[in-house]
């Protein structure tokens, strides 16, 4: 097989679940940081501040959900496989 042929020939690789989770979590943190910066610039517009705070809260709640997925994973398991119950 020639160099690069696997990439072109449709031999799709599955993304690394850990990298996907880290990427998703970093995106949520970026949302939180960016809206905090917006709030600091909108100190005279209470409605805009409330809207930005709502966005921060939604991003934080999604981050909490993501950490639950991380907590229930087992090493080497895909992100769709929950860890076995320990009870």
Protein backbone atom coordinates (compact mmCIF):
# COMPACT_ATOMS: atom_id res chain seq x y z
CA UNK A 1 0.00 0.00 0.00
CA UNK A 2 1.40 3.42 -0.94
CA UNK A 3 2.00 6.10 1.67
CA UNK A 4 -1.21 8.00 2.42
CA UNK A 5 -3.37 5.46 0.62
CA UNK A 6 -5.09 4.31 3.80
CA UNK A 7 -6.29 7.83 4.54
CA UNK A 8 -7.71 8.26 1.04
CA UNK A 9 -9.01 4.72 0.64
CA UNK A 10 -11.76 5.08 3.23
CA UNK A 11 -9.94 3.27 6.05
CA UNK A 12 -11.46 5.57 8.66
CA UNK A 13 -9.97 5.47 12.13
CA UNK A 14 -12.18 5.87 15.18
CA UNK A 15 -11.33 8.98 17.18
CA UNK A 16 -9.65 8.39 20.54
CA UNK A 17 -12.48 8.71 23.12
CA UNK A 18 -10.15 10.36 25.65
CA UNK A 19 -9.11 13.02 23.15
CA UNK A 20 -12.75 13.68 22.26
CA UNK A 21 -13.68 14.12 25.93
CA UNK A 22 -10.72 16.42 26.58
CA UNK A 23 -11.63 18.45 23.48
CA UNK A 24 -15.27 18.76 24.57
CA UNK A 25 -14.30 19.75 28.11
CA UNK A 26 -11.84 22.38 26.89
CA UNK A 27 -14.54 23.82 24.61
CA UNK A 28 -16.89 24.18 27.58
CA UNK A 29 -14.20 25.89 29.64
CA UNK A 30 -13.52 28.27 26.74
CA UNK A 31 -17.22 29.22 26.67
CA UNK A 32 -17.13 29.97 30.39
CA UNK A 33 -13.98 32.08 30.10
CA UNK A 34 -15.25 34.00 27.06
CA UNK A 35 -18.59 34.86 28.66
CA UNK A 36 -16.80 36.00 31.81
CA UNK A 37 -14.77 38.37 29.64
CA UNK A 38 -18.00 39.64 28.03
CA UNK A 39 -19.51 40.31 31.45
CA UNK A 40 -16.52 42.35 32.49
CA UNK A 41 -17.05 44.55 29.41
CA UNK A 42 -20.83 44.88 29.92
CA UNK A 43 -20.93 46.30 33.40
CA UNK A 44 -23.63 48.85 32.49
CA UNK A 45 -26.09 46.49 30.72
CA UNK A 46 -27.84 44.28 33.30
CA UNK A 47 -29.83 42.34 30.67
CA UNK A 48 -26.68 41.45 28.72
CA UNK A 49 -24.99 40.42 31.96
CA UNK A 50 -27.93 38.15 32.85
CA UNK A 51 -27.82 36.55 29.38
CA UNK A 52 -24.07 35.95 29.67
CA UNK A 53 -24.46 34.44 33.13
CA UNK A 54 -27.12 32.08 31.74
CA UNK A 55 -24.65 30.95 29.05
CA UNK A 56 -21.97 30.38 31.67
CA UNK A 57 -24.38 28.32 33.75
CA UNK A 58 -25.39 26.16 30.76
CA UNK A 59 -21.74 25.54 29.85
CA UNK A 60 -20.92 24.66 33.45
CA UNK A 61 -23.86 22.23 33.62
CA UNK A 62 -22.69 20.56 30.40
CA UNK A 63 -19.20 20.33 31.92
CA UNK A 64 -20.67 18.64 35.00
CA UNK A 65 -22.45 16.11 32.76
CA UNK A 66 -19.18 15.47 30.93
CA UNK A 67 -17.34 14.83 34.18
CA UNK A 68 -20.01 12.26 35.06
CA UNK A 69 -19.19 10.44 31.82
CA UNK A 70 -15.52 10.54 32.75
CA UNK A 71 -16.21 9.29 36.27
CA UNK A 72 -18.08 6.25 35.02
CA UNK A 73 -15.49 5.19 32.45
CA UNK A 74 -13.10 2.35 32.88
CA UNK A 75 -9.57 2.53 31.50
CA UNK A 76 -9.53 1.34 27.90
CA UNK A 77 -13.33 1.47 27.51
CA UNK A 78 -14.94 3.57 24.81
CA UNK A 79 -16.85 6.65 25.97
CA UNK A 80 -20.15 4.89 25.27
CA UNK A 81 -19.34 2.00 27.65
CA UNK A 82 -20.17 2.79 31.27
CA UNK A 83 -18.03 1.37 34.03
CA UNK A 84 -19.44 -1.72 35.71
CA UNK A 85 -21.43 -1.10 38.90
CA UNK A 86 -19.44 -1.68 42.04
CA UNK A 87 -22.22 -2.53 44.38
